[in-house]
Amino acid sequence: MSFFDRKKKDTDDNYSDLNNHSYQNPQADQNNFGPNQGSYNNDQNMGMGTQFTPNDQNFNNNNGNNGNAGNNYYFGQQPNQQPNQQPIQPGQPQPTSDQTQQPVDNGTGEDWEYTEQNLQNSLDQSADLKSQLRSQLLADRSYCNHVLRNVGSDQIDERKQAMGRITEINTSLKDWFGTDEMANEIYMDSNRDYYVFTDDLSANPDSATSSMWQQLTDSLAERGLLANAISVTYNDQVDQTWMNYQNAGFVDGNAYLMNMYNELQGRNLNMPVTPAEIPFDADYRVQHVSDKVDKILNADDKLVMEVSRSSNHQLQIIRHYKDNSLLSRDIFDVNGVISATQFYDHRNSNKVVRENFYRQDGTLVLIKSYTGDEPYIQLFSEGNVLISTFDSDEELIVWWMKNQALKQNEATVFVSVNSEYYKKLLTLRDKGIEVIPIVMKQSENADAISDLIDGTDKVTAVLAGTDQVNTYLNKNAKNKLDITTLKDVDTPVYKE
């Protein structure tokens, strides 16, 4: 089913066929264009600064000489007008069926007060219809832009339909409002999966970070949606941190987190695991340093290993030594299973030359090499067969998101312009994944925002942290943007 077929089905035929040039006003989807969305019915929320009133010059023109817009509206039965009643003509006797709504005849024959009220009612109703029309036109254009962001370049017919529809909408906007330079909000499709991308999930987020999470969560909740999260940094405590975010109200309690390393290592498969044991020779002896640290010495009293445990005495790190030089470091996950090993330069114990990452069953999944002797990243199957190599973390992240994390999904990914991987993630758009940047402050990441405004990155939709950011982007962007301002919230105190 195509985008437009699905939209037509979802809205009970409120959207007309794109090939039909007679415009039918779409009814705003309760989840996507509800009254809480705000900026469709409030120019100030959109940062437009232009208010249209019944006395607006464009309005008066459109009710006069500009009637060729092709939109005819029936304003309904007028106040105090009975069915089939002819309009009141000057000099005719006044109706007396409802004396409470009729002016007292003062003998002059000029019941102007009644006529004036009738006219005002008509103008008010016209203004309401005009506001409704504006909201519907922007909502429809927002959907068309959503289609263009998500259909492939080879889907020529759907792209042609969407662009033709936008042309018709822009014509109506110009006819009725004198301009089509109005920012749409971002169309939110309930059939899609939404994700927030983060480089790492900070255990102690600053106020700006926690505010972004909660604003995004609450903004989606107003539309009946939630966003799951994706993080791509190795972090053994990431699951506990995610639970803390949920408890603090930063994210929805039903949302889940996908961490790239957890997924590659199979930590979320709930498979039975056996905690690792410390290798111990008969001539080794233990030197107790503290409740969390023990040193293992050989028969010559030379340091062989240093064992570190967590606060609940779970095995956490084993450092291996030779001649008092650090050789490697084994890192264990929360289940006490080996997760990674770091190997050090024998000439420089502060320099890591290689990292091995393991699955829960102990098989090798990933090698990261920091020398020029082998590829930077090597990815292996469960049978230890090389799958692919990567020259950068960005390449691995994009490969994983495209081929594993989001392979089966129609997905939209929100990513801060401050992300280290923001630019690389934009390439996911070529695979049908919608990528929408988040700009919390117009002063952040000047290069990324400059490319956004100039149209270099071909970005057409942005989440703005404040109305001021919305106004700034709308005013300065060289290409047209769909902009949604995130809901302003009071961030609760975060407790880890």
Protein backbone atom coordinates (compact mmCIF):
# COMPACT_ATOMS: atom_id res chain seq x y z
CA MET A 1 0.00 0.00 0.00
CA SER A 2 1.43 3.35 -1.00
CA PHE A 3 1.80 6.36 1.31
CA PHE A 4 -1.18 8.06 -0.27
CA ASP A 5 -3.35 4.94 -0.28
CA ARG A 6 -2.56 4.41 3.40
CA LYS A 7 -3.28 8.03 4.24
CA LYS A 8 -6.56 7.87 2.38
CA LYS A 9 -7.51 4.72 4.26
CA ASP A 10 -6.42 6.02 7.67
CA THR A 11 -8.43 9.21 7.35
CA ASP A 12 -11.63 7.69 5.90
CA ASP A 13 -11.25 9.39 2.55
CA ASN A 14 -10.78 12.84 4.03
CA TYR A 15 -7.82 13.27 1.70
CA SER A 16 -8.82 13.34 -1.93
CA ASP A 17 -6.96 11.62 -4.74
CA LEU A 18 -3.89 13.66 -5.70
CA ASN A 19 -4.87 13.47 -9.33
CA ASN A 20 -8.20 15.14 -8.56
CA HIS A 21 -7.61 18.89 -8.85
CA SER A 22 -10.65 19.79 -6.75
CA TYR A 23 -9.27 20.22 -3.25
CA GLN A 24 -11.08 18.48 -0.43
CA ASN A 25 -10.19 19.73 2.99
CA PRO A 26 -8.58 16.97 5.09
CA GLN A 27 -9.75 16.69 8.64
CA ALA A 28 -6.86 17.02 11.06
CA ASP A 29 -5.82 13.67 12.52
CA GLN A 30 -6.47 13.72 16.23
CA ASN A 31 -3.06 12.27 17.01
CA ASN A 32 -1.10 14.29 14.51
CA PHE A 33 -2.90 17.60 14.21
CA GLY A 34 -4.87 17.89 17.39
CA PRO A 35 -5.66 21.09 19.23
CA ASN A 36 -2.57 20.70 21.37
CA GLN A 37 -0.30 20.90 18.35
CA GLY A 38 -0.79 24.61 18.49
CA SER A 39 1.12 26.14 15.69
CA TYR A 40 -1.39 25.35 12.96
CA ASN A 41 -3.92 27.67 14.54
CA ASN A 42 -1.53 30.14 16.08
CA ASP A 43 0.83 32.08 13.88
CA GLN A 44 2.79 33.28 16.87
CA ASN A 45 3.59 29.71 17.92
CA MET A 46 4.92 29.14 14.43
CA GLY A 47 7.11 32.19 14.67
CA MET A 48 5.32 33.72 11.68
CA GLY A 49 4.31 36.98 13.32
CA THR A 50 1.37 37.49 10.94
CA GLN A 51 -2.17 37.33 12.23
CA PHE A 52 -5.15 37.21 9.89
CA THR A 53 -8.32 38.92 11.07
CA PRO A 54 -11.72 39.44 9.45
CA ASN A 55 -10.57 42.95 8.45
CA ASP A 56 -7.34 41.69 6.88
CA GLN A 57 -6.76 43.27 3.48
CA ASN A 58 -6.12 39.88 1.90
CA PHE A 59 -9.31 38.58 3.42
CA ASN A 60 -11.37 41.43 2.02
CA ASN A 61 -9.77 41.00 -1.38
CA ASN A 62 -10.41 37.28 -1.36
CA ASN A 63 -14.08 37.85 -0.66
CA GLY A 64 -14.21 40.24 -3.56
CA ASN A 65 -12.06 40.24 -6.66
CA ASN A 66 -10.03 37.16 -5.74
CA GLY A 67 -12.89 34.72 -5.91
CA ASN A 68 -11.19 32.71 -8.64
CA ALA A 69 -9.27 30.55 -6.14
CA GLY A 70 -11.57 27.68 -6.93
CA ASN A 71 -12.76 27.28 -3.31
CA ASN A 72 -16.45 27.96 -2.68
CA TYR A 73 -17.71 27.71 0.85
CA TYR A 74 -21.26 27.59 2.22
CA PHE A 75 -21.33 29.49 5.46
CA GLY A 76 -24.54 27.87 6.63
CA GLN A 77 -27.78 29.31 7.95
CA GLN A 78 -27.28 32.84 9.24
CA PRO A 79 -28.39 33.86 12.73
CA ASN A 80 -32.13 34.70 13.01
CA GLN A 81 -32.76 33.41 9.48
CA GLN A 82 -35.45 30.76 9.21
CA PRO A 83 -35.12 27.91 6.71
CA ASN A 84 -36.03 29.01 3.17
CA GLN A 85 -36.30 32.59 4.41
CA GLN A 86 -35.15 35.19 1.89
CA PRO A 87 -32.48 37.70 2.93
CA ILE A 88 -33.87 40.80 4.57
CA GLN A 89 -34.21 43.71 2.15
CA PRO A 90 -34.18 47.36 3.18
CA GLY A 91 -37.65 48.72 3.71
CA GLN A 92 -39.33 45.32 4.15
CA PRO A 93 -41.24 44.48 7.36
CA GLN A 94 -39.11 42.79 9.97
CA PRO A 95 -39.80 39.22 11.15
CA THR A 96 -41.53 39.09 14.52
CA SER A 97 -41.29 35.36 15.32
CA ASP A 98 -38.55 35.92 17.87
CA GLN A 99 -38.96 39.26 19.57
CA THR A 100 -35.99 38.63 21.89
CA GLN A 101 -33.63 38.75 18.91
CA GLN A 102 -35.29 41.60 16.98
CA PRO A 103 -34.46 45.27 17.50
CA VAL A 104 -37.28 47.59 18.55
CA ASP A 105 -38.61 49.51 15.58
CA ASN A 106 -37.90 53.13 16.32
CA GLY A 107 -40.00 54.30 13.43
CA THR A 108 -37.10 55.13 11.17
CA GLY A 109 -37.30 51.94 9.15
CA GLU A 110 -33.53 51.43 9.58
CA ASP A 111 -32.89 48.27 11.60
CA TRP A 112 -29.13 48.70 11.16
CA GLU A 113 -28.27 47.15 14.51
CA TYR A 114 -29.70 43.82 13.42
CA THR A 115 -28.00 44.05 10.03
CA GLU A 116 -24.70 45.00 11.63
CA GLN A 117 -24.85 42.00 13.98
CA ASN A 118 -25.74 39.73 11.08
CA LEU A 119 -22.73 41.01 9.15
CA GLN A 120 -20.43 40.59 12.13
CA ASN A 121 -21.60 37.02 12.62
CA SER A 122 -20.86 36.29 8.98
CA LEU A 123 -17.40 37.83 9.24
CA ASP A 124 -16.64 35.86 12.39
CA GLN A 125 -17.74 32.64 10.76
CA SER A 126 -15.67 33.45 7.69
CA ALA A 127 -12.60 34.11 9.84
CA ASP A 128 -13.07 30.77 11.58
CA LEU A 129 -13.37 29.00 8.25
CA LYS A 130 -10.29 30.76 6.98
CA SER A 131 -8.30 29.67 10.03
CA GLN A 132 -9.56 26.12 9.56
CA LEU A 133 -8.61 26.19 5.90
CA ARG A 134 -5.11 27.39 6.73
CA SER A 135 -4.65 24.58 9.27
CA GLN A 136 -5.89 21.97 6.82
CA LEU A 137 -3.73 23.21 3.96
CA LEU A 138 -0.61 23.19 6.14
CA ALA A 139 -1.46 19.76 7.52
CA ASP A 140 -1.86 18.35 4.02
CA ARG A 141 1.38 19.95 2.82
CA SER A 142 3.15 18.55 5.87
CA TYR A 143 1.98 15.06 4.91
CA CYS A 144 3.15 15.53 1.33
CA ASN A 145 6.60 16.60 2.58
CA HIS A 146 6.62 13.51 4.78
CA VAL A 147 5.95 11.38 1.69
CA LEU A 148 8.80 13.04 -0.22
CA ARG A 149 11.20 12.35 2.68
CA ASN A 150 10.37 8.67 2.73
CA VAL A 151 9.66 7.41 -0.78
CA GLY A 152 12.61 6.28 -2.81
CA SER A 153 13.99 8.26 -5.72
CA ASP A 154 12.78 5.48 -8.01
CA GLN A 155 9.14 5.89 -6.88
CA ILE A 156 8.50 8.48 -9.54
CA ASP A 157 4.69 8.38 -9.52
CA GLU A 158 4.34 8.95 -5.78
CA ARG A 159 6.91 11.74 -5.83
CA LYS A 160 5.12 13.36 -8.76
CA GLN A 161 1.76 13.11 -6.97
CA ALA A 162 3.16 14.66 -3.79
CA MET A 163 4.85 17.53 -5.63
CA GLY A 164 1.71 18.21 -7.65
CA ARG A 165 -0.36 18.27 -4.50
CA ILE A 166 2.07 20.73 -2.88
CA THR A 167 1.76 23.02 -5.91
CA GLU A 168 -2.04 23.04 -5.54
CA ILE A 169 -1.79 23.71 -1.79
CA ASN A 170 0.65 26.57 -2.31
CA THR A 171 -1.70 28.11 -4.86
CA SER A 172 -4.57 28.04 -2.36
CA LEU A 173 -2.37 29.51 0.38
CA LYS A 174 -1.35 32.39 -1.88
CA ASP A 175 -4.97 32.99 -2.97
CA TRP A 176 -6.37 33.11 0.54
CA PHE A 177 -3.46 34.42 2.60
CA GLY A 178 -1.26 36.22 0.10
CA THR A 179 1.74 33.91 0.70
CA ASP A 180 2.73 30.28 0.94
CA GLU A 181 5.76 31.10 3.13
CA MET A 182 4.40 29.39 6.24
CA ALA A 183 6.24 26.66 8.15
CA ASN A 184 4.40 23.38 8.51
CA GLU A 185 4.71 21.27 11.58
CA ILE A 186 6.27 17.83 11.09
CA TYR A 187 3.82 15.14 10.11
CA MET A 188 3.87 12.30 12.65
CA ASP A 189 2.82 8.96 11.19
CA SER A 190 1.35 6.51 13.70
CA ASN A 191 2.40 3.65 11.40
CA ARG A 192 6.10 4.45 11.89
CA ASP A 193 8.54 3.67 14.69
CA TYR A 194 10.26 6.65 16.30
CA TYR A 195 13.74 6.59 17.83
CA VAL A 196 15.97 9.08 19.61
CA PHE A 197 19.62 8.55 18.69
CA THR A 198 22.26 9.32 21.29
CA ASP A 199 26.00 8.70 21.16
CA ASP A 200 25.99 7.55 24.77
CA LEU A 201 23.45 7.56 27.56
CA SER A 202 24.98 9.72 30.26
CA ALA A 203 24.56 8.40 33.80
CA ASN A 204 24.57 12.01 35.06
CA PRO A 205 22.91 14.12 32.34
CA ASP A 206 23.13 17.89 32.53
CA SER A 207 19.99 20.01 32.57
CA ALA A 208 20.08 20.63 28.82
CA THR A 209 20.24 16.91 28.05
CA SER A 210 17.52 15.90 30.50
CA SER A 211 15.30 18.72 29.24
CA MET A 212 15.68 17.56 25.63
CA TRP A 213 14.65 14.01 26.53
CA GLN A 214 11.57 15.10 28.46
CA GLN A 215 10.48 17.73 25.93
CA LEU A 216 10.64 15.18 23.15
CA THR A 217 8.87 12.53 25.21
CA ASP A 218 6.02 14.87 26.17
CA SER A 219 5.67 16.29 22.65
CA LEU A 220 5.23 12.81 21.19
CA ALA A 221 2.89 11.78 24.01
CA GLU A 222 0.54 14.63 23.03
CA ARG A 223 0.21 12.90 19.67
CA GLY A 224 -0.25 9.45 21.16
CA LEU A 225 3.27 8.36 20.22
CA LEU A 226 6.46 7.35 22.01
CA ALA A 227 10.09 7.19 20.97
CA ASN A 228 12.46 4.36 21.75
CA ALA A 229 16.17 5.08 22.03
CA ILE A 230 19.37 4.01 20.28
CA SER A 231 22.84 4.40 21.81
CA VAL A 232 26.08 3.29 20.17
CA THR A 233 28.81 3.54 22.83
CA TYR A 234 30.09 0.55 24.80
CA ASN A 235 28.60 1.02 28.25
CA ASP A 236 28.13 -1.87 30.67
CA GLN A 237 25.75 0.19 32.84
CA VAL A 238 23.55 1.50 30.03
CA ASP A 239 20.51 -0.64 30.93
CA GLN A 240 20.50 0.59 34.52
CA THR A 241 20.90 4.17 33.32
CA TRP A 242 17.88 3.74 31.04
CA MET A 243 15.79 2.56 33.99
CA ASN A 244 16.89 5.65 35.89
CA TYR A 245 15.74 7.84 32.98
CA GLN A 246 12.36 6.14 33.05
CA ASN A 247 12.02 6.57 36.80
CA ALA A 248 12.91 10.26 36.49
CA GLY A 249 10.22 10.78 33.84
CA PHE A 250 12.66 11.72 31.07
CA VAL A 251 11.40 8.91 28.84
CA ASP A 252 8.22 6.89 28.53
CA GLY A 253 8.02 3.91 30.87
CA ASN A 254 7.07 1.69 27.93
CA ALA A 255 9.96 2.82 25.70
CA TYR A 256 12.98 0.57 25.26
CA LEU A 257 16.67 1.18 24.58
CA MET A 258 18.79 -0.48 21.89
CA ASN A 259 22.51 -0.30 22.55
CA MET A 260 24.65 -1.36 19.59
CA TYR A 261 27.18 -3.32 21.65
CA ASN A 262 24.48 -5.05 23.70
CA GLU A 263 22.77 -6.12 20.48
CA LEU A 264 25.94 -7.27 18.72
CA GLN A 265 27.04 -9.22 21.79
CA GLY A 266 23.63 -10.81 22.28
CA ARG A 267 23.13 -9.55 25.82
CA ASN A 268 19.40 -9.13 25.31
CA LEU A 269 18.73 -12.74 24.32
CA ASN A 270 18.08 -13.86 27.92
CA MET A 271 20.29 -16.89 27.39
CA PRO A 272 21.72 -18.77 30.38
CA VAL A 273 25.26 -17.63 31.15
CA THR A 274 28.07 -18.95 33.33
CA PRO A 275 30.10 -16.39 35.27
CA ALA A 276 33.82 -16.42 34.58
CA GLU A 277 36.34 -17.87 36.98
CA ILE A 278 39.71 -16.35 37.89
CA PRO A 279 42.61 -18.42 36.47
CA PHE A 280 44.68 -19.59 39.40
CA ASP A 281 47.89 -21.69 39.52
CA ALA A 282 48.96 -23.70 42.50
CA ASP A 283 51.89 -21.38 43.28
CA TYR A 284 49.84 -18.19 43.11
CA ARG A 285 48.98 -16.33 46.26
CA VAL A 286 46.40 -13.60 46.91
CA GLN A 287 47.31 -10.23 48.39
CA HIS A 288 44.19 -8.53 49.73
CA VAL A 289 44.27 -4.79 48.98
CA SER A 290 40.69 -3.71 49.76
CA ASP A 291 37.14 -5.00 49.74
CA LYS A 292 37.09 -4.52 45.96
CA VAL A 293 40.68 -5.22 44.89
CA ASP A 294 42.96 -8.25 45.19
CA LYS A 295 46.44 -8.77 43.74
CA ILE A 296 47.57 -12.18 42.50
CA LEU A 297 51.32 -12.85 42.89
CA ASN A 298 53.38 -15.76 41.55
CA ALA A 299 56.00 -17.81 43.40
CA ASP A 300 58.56 -15.05 42.82
CA ASP A 301 56.19 -12.45 44.36
CA LYS A 302 55.78 -10.76 41.02
CA LEU A 303 52.40 -9.29 40.09
CA VAL A 304 50.45 -11.53 37.69
CA MET A 305 46.91 -10.19 37.98
CA GLU A 306 44.90 -7.49 39.70
CA VAL A 307 41.25 -8.39 40.29
CA SER A 308 38.58 -5.72 40.77
CA ARG A 309 35.03 -6.37 41.89
CA SER A 310 31.89 -4.28 42.04
CA SER A 311 30.18 -3.16 45.23
CA ASN A 312 28.18 -6.42 45.28
CA HIS A 313 31.41 -8.42 44.83
CA GLN A 314 30.67 -9.22 41.20
CA LEU A 315 33.78 -9.80 39.07
CA GLN A 316 34.38 -6.59 37.10
CA ILE A 317 37.96 -6.28 35.75
CA ILE A 318 41.07 -8.47 35.62
CA ARG A 319 44.34 -6.77 34.69
CA HIS A 320 47.15 -9.03 33.47
CA TYR A 321 50.80 -8.13 34.06
CA LYS A 322 54.25 -9.32 33.02
CA ASP A 323 57.38 -7.89 34.62
CA ASN A 324 55.13 -5.26 36.22
CA SER A 325 53.96 -4.07 32.79
CA LEU A 326 50.25 -4.12 31.95
CA LEU A 327 49.55 -6.60 29.13
CA SER A 328 45.77 -6.68 28.89
CA ARG A 329 42.55 -5.96 30.71
CA ASP A 330 39.49 -8.25 30.79
CA ILE A 331 36.15 -6.48 31.29
CA PHE A 332 33.15 -8.40 32.63
CA ASP A 333 29.47 -7.51 32.24
CA VAL A 334 26.82 -7.30 34.95
CA ASN A 335 26.39 -11.08 34.78
CA GLY A 336 30.05 -11.69 35.46
CA VAL A 337 30.62 -12.87 31.87
CA ILE A 338 33.62 -11.62 29.93
CA SER A 339 32.53 -8.86 27.57
CA ALA A 340 35.73 -7.33 26.18
CA THR A 341 39.51 -7.52 26.36
CA GLN A 342 41.86 -4.60 25.83
CA PHE A 343 45.46 -5.26 24.78
CA TYR A 344 48.20 -2.72 25.55
CA ASP A 345 51.40 -1.76 23.77
CA HIS A 346 54.22 -3.59 25.55
CA ARG A 347 56.33 -0.42 25.20
CA ASN A 348 53.59 1.89 26.49
CA SER A 349 51.12 0.56 29.05
CA ASN A 350 48.88 3.61 28.51
CA LYS A 351 48.23 2.81 24.85
CA VAL A 352 45.53 0.34 23.80
CA VAL A 353 46.46 -1.39 20.53
CA ARG A 354 43.52 -3.75 20.19
CA GLU A 355 40.08 -4.49 21.65
CA ASN A 356 38.18 -7.77 21.38
CA PHE A 357 34.43 -7.92 22.06
CA TYR A 358 32.65 -11.20 22.84
CA ARG A 359 29.16 -12.60 22.72
CA GLN A 360 27.54 -14.06 25.81
CA ASP A 361 28.58 -17.54 24.66
CA GLY A 362 32.22 -16.46 24.49
CA THR A 363 32.55 -16.26 20.70
CA LEU A 364 34.33 -13.28 19.18
CA VAL A 365 32.04 -10.70 17.56
CA LEU A 366 34.21 -7.61 17.03
CA ILE A 367 37.86 -6.60 16.84
CA LYS A 368 38.94 -2.97 16.95
CA SER A 369 42.57 -2.41 16.05
CA TYR A 370 44.46 0.81 16.69
CA THR A 371 47.49 0.00 14.57
CA GLY A 372 48.00 0.17 10.83
CA ASP A 373 48.67 -3.55 10.54
CA GLU A 374 45.04 -4.62 10.23
CA PRO A 375 41.58 -3.12 9.53
CA TYR A 376 40.24 -0.76 12.16
CA ILE A 377 37.06 -2.79 12.79
CA GLN A 378 36.38 -6.43 11.95
CA LEU A 379 32.94 -7.97 12.46
CA PHE A 380 32.53 -11.74 12.87
CA SER A 381 29.62 -14.16 12.70
CA GLU A 382 28.81 -16.59 15.51
CA GLY A 383 30.93 -19.14 13.70
CA ASN A 384 33.90 -16.72 13.80
CA VAL A 385 33.62 -16.02 10.06
CA LEU A 386 34.52 -12.47 9.05
CA ILE A 387 31.37 -10.61 7.96
CA SER A 388 32.74 -7.17 7.12
CA THR A 389 35.40 -4.59 7.90
CA PHE A 390 34.94 -0.89 8.63
CA ASP A 391 37.29 2.08 8.48
CA SER A 392 35.45 4.10 11.14
CA ASP A 393 32.95 3.85 13.97
CA GLU A 394 30.51 5.84 11.85
CA GLU A 395 30.57 3.18 9.14
CA LEU A 396 29.88 0.42 11.66
CA ILE A 397 27.02 2.40 13.24
CA VAL A 398 25.32 3.11 9.93
CA TRP A 399 25.76 -0.53 8.84
CA TRP A 400 24.27 -1.81 12.10
CA MET A 401 21.29 0.57 12.05
CA LYS A 402 20.54 -0.14 8.39
CA ASN A 403 21.06 -3.91 8.39
CA GLN A 404 20.06 -4.92 11.90
CA ALA A 405 18.50 -2.36 14.25
CA LEU A 406 16.04 -0.79 11.78
CA LYS A 407 16.01 -3.39 9.03
CA GLN A 408 12.35 -4.35 9.40
CA ASN A 409 11.01 -0.96 10.43
CA GLU A 410 9.54 2.12 8.80
CA ALA A 411 11.54 4.34 11.10
CA THR A 412 12.11 7.98 11.94
CA VAL A 413 15.29 8.85 13.85
CA PHE A 414 15.62 12.08 15.84
CA VAL A 415 19.25 13.09 16.36
CA SER A 416 20.79 16.17 17.95
CA VAL A 417 22.94 18.30 15.67
CA ASN A 418 25.55 18.01 18.43
CA SER A 419 25.92 14.27 17.90
CA GLU A 420 29.33 13.13 16.74
CA TYR A 421 27.56 10.98 14.15
CA TYR A 422 24.89 13.45 12.99
CA LYS A 423 26.30 14.01 9.51
CA LYS A 424 26.87 10.31 8.88
CA LEU A 425 23.36 9.41 10.02
CA LEU A 426 21.93 11.64 7.29
CA THR A 427 23.06 8.99 4.79
CA LEU A 428 20.39 6.66 6.22
CA ARG A 429 17.85 8.70 4.27
CA ASP A 430 19.01 6.89 1.15
CA LYS A 431 17.67 3.67 2.70
CA GLY A 432 14.19 5.00 3.46
CA ILE A 433 14.92 5.95 7.08
CA GLU A 434 13.66 9.41 7.99
CA VAL A 435 16.30 11.42 9.88
CA ILE A 436 15.18 14.61 11.65
CA PRO A 437 17.72 16.83 13.46
CA ILE A 438 17.04 18.36 16.87
CA VAL A 439 18.16 21.97 17.43
CA MET A 440 17.73 22.91 21.07
CA LYS A 441 19.64 26.22 20.83
CA GLN A 442 20.48 28.23 17.73
CA SER A 443 23.98 28.85 19.13
CA GLU A 444 25.01 25.17 19.20
CA ASN A 445 27.17 23.47 16.58
CA ALA A 446 27.44 26.46 14.26
CA ASP A 447 28.74 24.41 11.31
CA ALA A 448 25.86 21.94 11.39
CA ILE A 449 23.21 24.67 11.71
CA SER A 450 24.87 26.68 8.94
CA ASP A 451 24.68 23.67 6.60
CA LEU A 452 21.08 23.11 7.67
CA ILE A 453 20.07 26.70 6.91
CA ASP A 454 21.99 26.86 3.64
CA GLY A 455 20.36 23.67 2.43
CA THR A 456 23.71 21.87 2.08
CA ASP A 457 22.41 18.76 3.87
CA LYS A 458 19.00 18.87 2.17
CA VAL A 459 17.23 18.77 5.54
CA THR A 460 13.50 19.51 5.27
CA ALA A 461 12.26 18.87 8.83
CA VAL A 462 13.61 20.04 12.20
CA LEU A 463 12.62 19.74 15.85
CA ALA A 464 13.17 23.08 17.62
CA GLY A 465 13.80 23.32 21.36
CA THR A 466 12.09 26.72 21.70
CA ASP A 467 9.89 29.14 19.76
CA GLN A 468 12.95 31.36 19.35
CA VAL A 469 14.79 28.56 17.53
CA ASN A 470 11.71 27.94 15.40
CA THR A 471 11.56 31.61 14.41
CA TYR A 472 15.29 31.74 13.68
CA LEU A 473 15.22 28.68 11.42
CA ASN A 474 12.03 29.71 9.67
CA LYS A 475 13.39 33.19 8.98
CA ASN A 476 16.88 32.22 7.84
CA ALA A 477 16.50 28.88 6.07
CA LYS A 478 17.00 29.09 2.31
CA ASN A 479 14.87 26.01 1.74
CA LYS A 480 11.43 25.38 3.18
CA LEU A 481 11.41 23.52 6.48
CA ASP A 482 8.76 21.66 8.43
CA ILE A 483 9.38 22.75 12.02
CA THR A 484 7.84 21.46 15.24
CA THR A 485 8.63 23.23 18.52
CA LEU A 486 9.05 20.79 21.38
CA LYS A 487 6.71 21.16 24.31
CA ASP A 488 8.21 23.25 27.11
CA VAL A 489 8.35 21.35 30.39
CA ASP A 490 9.68 21.68 33.91
CA THR A 491 12.46 19.12 34.19
CA PRO A 492 12.33 17.10 37.44
CA VAL A 493 15.37 16.57 39.60
CA TYR A 494 17.31 13.57 38.33
CA LYS A 495 18.48 11.04 40.86
CA GLU A 496 20.82 8.32 39.69
